[in-house]
Amino acid sequence: MVRLTKEQKKLVKKLEDAYVVCSDCGSKYGVYSVGCSSVWIEKCDVCDEEKPVTEARDYAYLITGIRKIKLGEFK
C-alpha cells in the first residue's frame, strides 16, 4: 500500500460508506455484478448528484476502486 493523501482518504471513506450509487460512479469505482438492478431517483452517495441510483452491492461494494486507490493504481 501507498501513503494516501487527505483527499484519497476522504474518497476511500466515501466509497466504503456508500449505500446507493449512480451508474457513472459504480462503473468508475466498481464492477457491475448482477444482471438486473432496481433503480430509483436519489442522491448518489459518491458524487452527491440527484440521479438514478442502485445499491452499492450491485457494484461489488465499490471494492475495486477502494483497492486501486489504496494501492496507488487509481488515477
PDB file of N, CA and C in Angstrom:
ATOM      1  N   MET A   1       0.832  -1.187   0.000  1.00  0.00           N
ATOM      2  CA  MET A   1       0.000   0.000   0.000  1.00  0.00           C
ATOM      3  C   MET A   1       0.877   1.251   0.000  1.00  0.00           C
ATOM      4  N   VAL A   2       0.299   2.322  -0.507  1.00  0.00           N
ATOM      5  CA  VAL A   2       0.995   3.594  -0.555  1.00  0.00           C
ATOM      6  C   VAL A   2       0.413   4.539   0.497  1.00  0.00           C
ATOM      7  N   ARG A   3       1.144   5.587   0.776  1.00  0.00           N
ATOM      8  CA  ARG A   3       0.653   6.605   1.701  1.00  0.00           C
ATOM      9  C   ARG A   3      -0.409   7.430   0.970  1.00  0.00           C
ATOM     10  N   LEU A   4      -1.608   7.500   1.538  1.00  0.00           N
ATOM     11  CA  LEU A   4      -2.712   8.201   0.891  1.00  0.00           C
ATOM     12  C   LEU A   4      -2.737   9.673   1.286  1.00  0.00           C
ATOM     13  N   THR A   5      -3.125  10.509   0.332  1.00  0.00           N
ATOM     14  CA  THR A   5      -3.323  11.919   0.624  1.00  0.00           C
ATOM     15  C   THR A   5      -4.627  12.075   1.404  1.00  0.00           C
ATOM     16  N   LYS A   6      -4.825  13.252   1.936  1.00  0.00           N
ATOM     17  CA  LYS A   6      -6.053  13.542   2.676  1.00  0.00           C
ATOM     18  C   LYS A   6      -7.280  13.347   1.779  1.00  0.00           C
ATOM     19  N   GLU A   7      -7.178  13.797   0.521  1.00  0.00           N
ATOM     20  CA  GLU A   7      -8.284  13.661  -0.430  1.00  0.00           C
ATOM     21  C   GLU A   7      -8.574  12.197  -0.746  1.00  0.00           C
ATOM     22  N   GLN A   8      -7.515  11.401  -0.905  1.00  0.00           N
ATOM     23  CA  GLN A   8      -7.700   9.976  -1.186  1.00  0.00           C
ATOM     24  C   GLN A   8      -8.350   9.273   0.001  1.00  0.00           C
ATOM     25  N   LYS A   9      -7.940   9.611   1.208  1.00  0.00           N
ATOM     26  CA  LYS A   9      -8.543   9.013   2.403  1.00  0.00           C
ATOM     27  C   LYS A   9     -10.026   9.357   2.483  1.00  0.00           C
ATOM     28  N   LYS A  10     -10.341  10.605   2.154  1.00  0.00           N
ATOM     29  CA  LYS A  10     -11.730  11.051   2.166  1.00  0.00           C
ATOM     30  C   LYS A  10     -12.551  10.282   1.127  1.00  0.00           C
ATOM     31  N   LEU A  11     -11.984  10.090  -0.064  1.00  0.00           N
ATOM     32  CA  LEU A  11     -12.668   9.344  -1.115  1.00  0.00           C
ATOM     33  C   LEU A  11     -12.861   7.879  -0.722  1.00  0.00           C
ATOM     34  N   VAL A  12     -11.834   7.253  -0.163  1.00  0.00           N
ATOM     35  CA  VAL A  12     -11.944   5.860   0.280  1.00  0.00           C
ATOM     36  C   VAL A  12     -13.060   5.732   1.307  1.00  0.00           C
ATOM     37  N   LYS A  13     -13.115   6.636   2.271  1.00  0.00           N
ATOM     38  CA  LYS A  13     -14.168   6.609   3.299  1.00  0.00           C
ATOM     39  C   LYS A  13     -15.536   6.771   2.653  1.00  0.00           C
ATOM     40  N   LYS A  14     -15.644   7.683   1.684  1.00  0.00           N
ATOM     41  CA  LYS A  14     -16.916   7.912   0.991  1.00  0.00           C
ATOM     42  C   LYS A  14     -17.351   6.652   0.244  1.00  0.00           C
ATOM     43  N   LEU A  15     -16.411   5.991  -0.425  1.00  0.00           N
ATOM     44  CA  LEU A  15     -16.728   4.755  -1.154  1.00  0.00           C
ATOM     45  C   LEU A  15     -17.108   3.637  -0.192  1.00  0.00           C
ATOM     46  N   GLU A  16     -16.406   3.532   0.920  1.00  0.00           N
ATOM     47  CA  GLU A  16     -16.712   2.487   1.903  1.00  0.00           C
ATOM     48  C   GLU A  16     -18.080   2.691   2.536  1.00  0.00           C
ATOM     49  N   ASP A  17     -18.481   3.944   2.714  1.00  0.00           N
ATOM     50  CA  ASP A  17     -19.754   4.260   3.364  1.00  0.00           C
ATOM     51  C   ASP A  17     -20.936   4.333   2.398  1.00  0.00           C
ATOM     52  N   ALA A  18     -20.679   4.289   1.098  1.00  0.00           N
ATOM     53  CA  ALA A  18     -21.750   4.452   0.107  1.00  0.00           C
ATOM     54  C   ALA A  18     -22.767   3.317   0.194  1.00  0.00           C
ATOM     55  N   TYR A  19     -24.043   3.703   0.241  1.00  0.00           N
ATOM     56  CA  TYR A  19     -25.124   2.708   0.219  1.00  0.00           C
ATOM     57  C   TYR A  19     -25.794   2.685  -1.145  1.00  0.00           C
ATOM     58  N   VAL A  20     -25.974   3.874  -1.743  1.00  0.00           N
ATOM     59  CA  VAL A  20     -26.540   3.954  -3.095  1.00  0.00           C
ATOM     60  C   VAL A  20     -25.544   4.656  -3.997  1.00  0.00           C
ATOM     61  N   VAL A  21     -25.515   4.231  -5.253  1.00  0.00           N
ATOM     62  CA  VAL A  21     -24.527   4.746  -6.201  1.00  0.00           C
ATOM     63  C   VAL A  21     -25.150   4.832  -7.595  1.00  0.00           C
ATOM     64  N   CYS A  22     -24.778   5.878  -8.336  1.00  0.00           N
ATOM     65  CA  CYS A  22     -25.257   6.004  -9.714  1.00  0.00           C
ATOM     66  C   CYS A  22     -24.402   5.110 -10.620  1.00  0.00           C
ATOM     67  N   SER A  23     -24.854   4.914 -11.834  1.00  0.00           N
ATOM     68  CA  SER A  23     -24.115   4.028 -12.739  1.00  0.00           C
ATOM     69  C   SER A  23     -22.766   4.616 -13.130  1.00  0.00           C
ATOM     70  N   ASP A  24     -22.665   5.955 -13.204  1.00  0.00           N
ATOM     71  CA  ASP A  24     -21.377   6.571 -13.540  1.00  0.00           C
ATOM     72  C   ASP A  24     -20.330   6.260 -12.474  1.00  0.00           C
ATOM     73  N   CYS A  25     -20.671   6.489 -11.218  1.00  0.00           N
ATOM     74  CA  CYS A  25     -19.733   6.217 -10.120  1.00  0.00           C
ATOM     75  C   CYS A  25     -19.530   4.717  -9.937  1.00  0.00           C
ATOM     76  N   GLY A  26     -20.593   3.948 -10.106  1.00  0.00           N
ATOM     77  CA  GLY A  26     -20.476   2.496  -9.978  1.00  0.00           C
ATOM     78  C   GLY A  26     -19.515   1.918 -11.000  1.00  0.00           C
ATOM     79  N   SER A  27     -19.610   2.390 -12.234  1.00  0.00           N
ATOM     80  CA  SER A  27     -18.716   1.912 -13.289  1.00  0.00           C
ATOM     81  C   SER A  27     -17.284   2.400 -13.088  1.00  0.00           C
ATOM     82  N   LYS A  28     -17.147   3.588 -12.515  1.00  0.00           N
ATOM     83  CA  LYS A  28     -15.814   4.159 -12.302  1.00  0.00           C
ATOM     84  C   LYS A  28     -15.067   3.453 -11.158  1.00  0.00           C
ATOM     85  N   TYR A  29     -15.783   3.132 -10.086  1.00  0.00           N
ATOM     86  CA  TYR A  29     -15.132   2.585  -8.888  1.00  0.00           C
ATOM     87  C   TYR A  29     -15.448   1.122  -8.601  1.00  0.00           C
ATOM     88  N   GLY A  30     -16.363   0.529  -9.355  1.00  0.00           N
ATOM     89  CA  GLY A  30     -16.755  -0.843  -9.067  1.00  0.00           C
ATOM     90  C   GLY A  30     -16.927  -1.668 -10.318  1.00  0.00           C
ATOM     91  N   VAL A  31     -17.454  -2.857 -10.126  1.00  0.00           N
ATOM     92  CA  VAL A  31     -17.729  -3.783 -11.224  1.00  0.00           C
ATOM     93  C   VAL A  31     -19.177  -4.226 -11.080  1.00  0.00           C
ATOM     94  N   TYR A  32     -19.967  -4.007 -12.124  1.00  0.00           N
ATOM     95  CA  TYR A  32     -21.379  -4.411 -12.075  1.00  0.00           C
ATOM     96  C   TYR A  32     -21.444  -5.921 -11.934  1.00  0.00           C
ATOM     97  N   SER A  33     -22.102  -6.388 -10.887  1.00  0.00           N
ATOM     98  CA  SER A  33     -22.021  -7.809 -10.555  1.00  0.00           C
ATOM     99  C   SER A  33     -23.345  -8.562 -10.639  1.00  0.00           C
ATOM    100  N   VAL A  34     -24.398  -7.897 -11.125  1.00  0.00           N
ATOM    101  CA  VAL A  34     -25.694  -8.573 -11.235  1.00  0.00           C
ATOM    102  C   VAL A  34     -26.267  -8.334 -12.623  1.00  0.00           C
ATOM    103  N   GLY A  35     -27.258  -9.099 -12.978  1.00  0.00           N
ATOM    104  CA  GLY A  35     -27.856  -8.957 -14.300  1.00  0.00           C
ATOM    105  C   GLY A  35     -28.980  -7.939 -14.352  1.00  0.00           C
ATOM    106  N   CYS A  36     -29.569  -7.644 -13.203  1.00  0.00           N
ATOM    107  CA  CYS A  36     -30.716  -6.738 -13.163  1.00  0.00           C
ATOM    108  C   CYS A  36     -30.720  -6.021 -11.814  1.00  0.00           C
ATOM    109  N   SER A  37     -30.968  -4.721 -11.836  1.00  0.00           N
ATOM    110  CA  SER A  37     -30.968  -3.929 -10.606  1.00  0.00           C
ATOM    111  C   SER A  37     -32.225  -3.098 -10.495  1.00  0.00           C
ATOM    112  N   SER A  38     -32.642  -2.841  -9.271  1.00  0.00           N
ATOM    113  CA  SER A  38     -33.697  -1.856  -9.036  1.00  0.00           C
ATOM    114  C   SER A  38     -33.043  -0.488  -9.079  1.00  0.00           C
ATOM    115  N   VAL A  39     -33.681   0.448  -9.744  1.00  0.00           N
ATOM    116  CA  VAL A  39     -33.130   1.793  -9.890  1.00  0.00           C
ATOM    117  C   VAL A  39     -34.199   2.796  -9.503  1.00  0.00           C
ATOM    118  N   TRP A  40     -33.814   3.839  -8.788  1.00  0.00           N
ATOM    119  CA  TRP A  40     -34.714   4.905  -8.402  1.00  0.00           C
ATOM    120  C   TRP A  40     -33.938   6.219  -8.376  1.00  0.00           C
ATOM    121  N   ILE A  41     -34.651   7.315  -8.309  1.00  0.00           N
ATOM    122  CA  ILE A  41     -34.019   8.630  -8.291  1.00  0.00           C
ATOM    123  C   ILE A  41     -33.706   9.013  -6.837  1.00  0.00           C
ATOM    124  N   GLU A  42     -32.444   9.305  -6.580  1.00  0.00           N
ATOM    125  CA  GLU A  42     -31.992   9.703  -5.248  1.00  0.00           C
ATOM    126  C   GLU A  42     -30.596  10.314  -5.400  1.00  0.00           C
ATOM    127  N   LYS A  43     -30.067  10.888  -4.348  1.00  0.00           N
ATOM    128  CA  LYS A  43     -28.725  11.451  -4.383  1.00  0.00           C
ATOM    129  C   LYS A  43     -27.696  10.332  -4.271  1.00  0.00           C
ATOM    130  N   CYS A  44     -26.763  10.298  -5.215  1.00  0.00           N
ATOM    131  CA  CYS A  44     -25.676   9.312  -5.198  1.00  0.00           C
ATOM    132  C   CYS A  44     -24.774   9.621  -4.007  1.00  0.00           C
ATOM    133  N   ASP A  45     -24.419   8.593  -3.246  1.00  0.00           N
ATOM    134  CA  ASP A  45     -23.568   8.772  -2.076  1.00  0.00           C
ATOM    135  C   ASP A  45     -22.118   9.079  -2.428  1.00  0.00           C
ATOM    136  N   VAL A  46     -21.747   8.944  -3.691  1.00  0.00           N
ATOM    137  CA  VAL A  46     -20.363   9.208  -4.095  1.00  0.00           C
ATOM    138  C   VAL A  46     -20.230  10.601  -4.706  1.00  0.00           C
ATOM    139  N   CYS A  47     -21.006  10.904  -5.742  1.00  0.00           N
ATOM    140  CA  CYS A  47     -20.877  12.197  -6.428  1.00  0.00           C
ATOM    141  C   CYS A  47     -21.849  13.253  -5.909  1.00  0.00           C
ATOM    142  N   ASP A  48     -22.781  12.855  -5.048  1.00  0.00           N
ATOM    143  CA  ASP A  48     -23.771  13.756  -4.444  1.00  0.00           C
ATOM    144  C   ASP A  48     -24.724  14.392  -5.452  1.00  0.00           C
ATOM    145  N   GLU A  49     -24.863  13.781  -6.627  1.00  0.00           N
ATOM    146  CA  GLU A  49     -25.814  14.288  -7.628  1.00  0.00           C
ATOM    147  C   GLU A  49     -27.116  13.500  -7.547  1.00  0.00           C
ATOM    148  N   GLU A  50     -28.226  14.184  -7.808  1.00  0.00           N
ATOM    149  CA  GLU A  50     -29.545  13.556  -7.847  1.00  0.00           C
ATOM    150  C   GLU A  50     -29.705  12.895  -9.210  1.00  0.00           C
ATOM    151  N   LYS A  51     -29.754  11.584  -9.224  1.00  0.00           N
ATOM    152  CA  LYS A  51     -29.858  10.840 -10.483  1.00  0.00           C
ATOM    153  C   LYS A  51     -30.298   9.415 -10.193  1.00  0.00           C
ATOM    154  N   PRO A  52     -30.535   8.596 -11.226  1.00  0.00           N
ATOM    155  CA  PRO A  52     -30.899   7.191 -10.978  1.00  0.00           C
ATOM    156  C   PRO A  52     -29.765   6.476 -10.241  1.00  0.00           C
ATOM    157  N   VAL A  53     -30.124   5.785  -9.158  1.00  0.00           N
ATOM    158  CA  VAL A  53     -29.139   5.069  -8.347  1.00  0.00           C
ATOM    159  C   VAL A  53     -29.594   3.634  -8.095  1.00  0.00           C
ATOM    160  N   THR A  54     -28.673   2.821  -7.650  1.00  0.00           N
ATOM    161  CA  THR A  54     -28.960   1.470  -7.198  1.00  0.00           C
ATOM    162  C   THR A  54     -28.073   1.210  -5.981  1.00  0.00           C
ATOM    163  N   GLU A  55     -28.243   0.078  -5.352  1.00  0.00           N
ATOM    164  CA  GLU A  55     -27.440  -0.230  -4.166  1.00  0.00           C
ATOM    165  C   GLU A  55     -25.981  -0.491  -4.545  1.00  0.00           C
ATOM    166  N   ALA A  56     -25.078  -0.080  -3.684  1.00  0.00           N
ATOM    167  CA  ALA A  56     -23.644  -0.257  -3.926  1.00  0.00           C
ATOM    168  C   ALA A  56     -23.285  -1.737  -4.082  1.00  0.00           C
ATOM    169  N   ARG A  57     -24.061  -2.615  -3.486  1.00  0.00           N
ATOM    170  CA  ARG A  57     -23.760  -4.053  -3.601  1.00  0.00           C
ATOM    171  C   ARG A  57     -23.818  -4.530  -5.053  1.00  0.00           C
ATOM    172  N   ASP A  58     -24.625  -3.825  -5.892  1.00  0.00           N
ATOM    173  CA  ASP A  58     -24.713  -4.192  -7.307  1.00  0.00           C
ATOM    174  C   ASP A  58     -23.409  -3.902  -8.051  1.00  0.00           C
ATOM    175  N   TYR A  59     -22.552  -3.091  -7.449  1.00  0.00           N
ATOM    176  CA  TYR A  59     -21.223  -2.796  -7.999  1.00  0.00           C
ATOM    177  C   TYR A  59     -20.134  -3.324  -7.068  1.00  0.00           C
ATOM    178  N   ALA A  60     -20.421  -4.483  -6.458  1.00  0.00           N
ATOM    179  CA  ALA A  60     -19.471  -5.179  -5.578  1.00  0.00           C
ATOM    180  C   ALA A  60     -18.944  -4.267  -4.476  1.00  0.00           C
ATOM    181  N   TYR A  61     -19.842  -3.424  -3.940  1.00  0.00           N
ATOM    182  CA  TYR A  61     -19.500  -2.501  -2.848  1.00  0.00           C
ATOM    183  C   TYR A  61     -18.311  -1.603  -3.177  1.00  0.00           C
ATOM    184  N   LEU A  62     -18.066  -1.365  -4.464  1.00  0.00           N
ATOM    185  CA  LEU A  62     -17.031  -0.454  -4.945  1.00  0.00           C
ATOM    186  C   LEU A  62     -15.626  -0.860  -4.493  1.00  0.00           C
ATOM    187  N   ILE A  63     -15.461  -2.124  -4.148  1.00  0.00           N
ATOM    188  CA  ILE A  63     -14.194  -2.611  -3.604  1.00  0.00           C
ATOM    189  C   ILE A  63     -13.043  -2.496  -4.601  1.00  0.00           C
ATOM    190  N   THR A  64     -13.329  -2.599  -5.891  1.00  0.00           N
ATOM    191  CA  THR A  64     -12.266  -2.475  -6.895  1.00  0.00           C
ATOM    192  C   THR A  64     -11.623  -1.098  -6.826  1.00  0.00           C
ATOM    193  N   GLY A  65     -12.448  -0.053  -6.794  1.00  0.00           N
ATOM    194  CA  GLY A  65     -11.928   1.309  -6.697  1.00  0.00           C
ATOM    195  C   GLY A  65     -11.208   1.559  -5.390  1.00  0.00           C
ATOM    196  N   ILE A  66     -11.764   1.039  -4.299  1.00  0.00           N
ATOM    197  CA  ILE A  66     -11.135   1.206  -2.979  1.00  0.00           C
ATOM    198  C   ILE A  66      -9.745   0.586  -2.978  1.00  0.00           C
ATOM    199  N   ARG A  67      -9.638  -0.623  -3.488  1.00  0.00           N
ATOM    200  CA  ARG A  67      -8.330  -1.304  -3.520  1.00  0.00           C
ATOM    201  C   ARG A  67      -7.333  -0.591  -4.422  1.00  0.00           C
ATOM    202  N   LYS A  68      -7.816  -0.121  -5.584  1.00  0.00           N
ATOM    203  CA  LYS A  68      -6.915   0.575  -6.503  1.00  0.00           C
ATOM    204  C   LYS A  68      -6.396   1.877  -5.893  1.00  0.00           C
ATOM    205  N   ILE A  69      -7.247   2.590  -5.187  1.00  0.00           N
ATOM    206  CA  ILE A  69      -6.807   3.820  -4.531  1.00  0.00           C
ATOM    207  C   ILE A  69      -5.762   3.485  -3.469  1.00  0.00           C
ATOM    208  N   LYS A  70      -6.027   2.488  -2.668  1.00  0.00           N
ATOM    209  CA  LYS A  70      -5.096   2.113  -1.597  1.00  0.00           C
ATOM    210  C   LYS A  70      -3.758   1.599  -2.129  1.00  0.00           C
ATOM    211  N   LEU A  71      -3.770   1.027  -3.309  1.00  0.00           N
ATOM    212  CA  LEU A  71      -2.531   0.527  -3.914  1.00  0.00           C
ATOM    213  C   LEU A  71      -1.838   1.566  -4.794  1.00  0.00           C
ATOM    214  N   GLY A  72      -2.463   2.719  -4.939  1.00  0.00           N
ATOM    215  CA  GLY A  72      -1.879   3.781  -5.749  1.00  0.00           C
ATOM    216  C   GLY A  72      -2.042   3.570  -7.236  1.00  0.00           C
ATOM    217  N   GLU A  73      -2.986   2.733  -7.643  1.00  0.00           N
ATOM    218  CA  GLU A  73      -3.174   2.407  -9.053  1.00  0.00           C
ATOM    219  C   GLU A  73      -4.292   3.226  -9.703  1.00  0.00           C
ATOM    220  N   PHE A  74      -5.082   3.933  -8.911  1.00  0.00           N
ATOM    221  CA  PHE A  74      -6.218   4.672  -9.466  1.00  0.00           C
ATOM    222  C   PHE A  74      -5.803   6.085  -9.814  1.00  0.00           C
ATOM    223  N   LYS A  75      -6.077   6.491 -11.044  1.00  0.00           N
ATOM    224  CA  LYS A  75      -5.741   7.847 -11.490  1.00  0.00           C
ATOM    225  C   LYS A  75      -6.991   8.640 -11.700  1.00  0.00           C
TER     226      LYS A  75
END
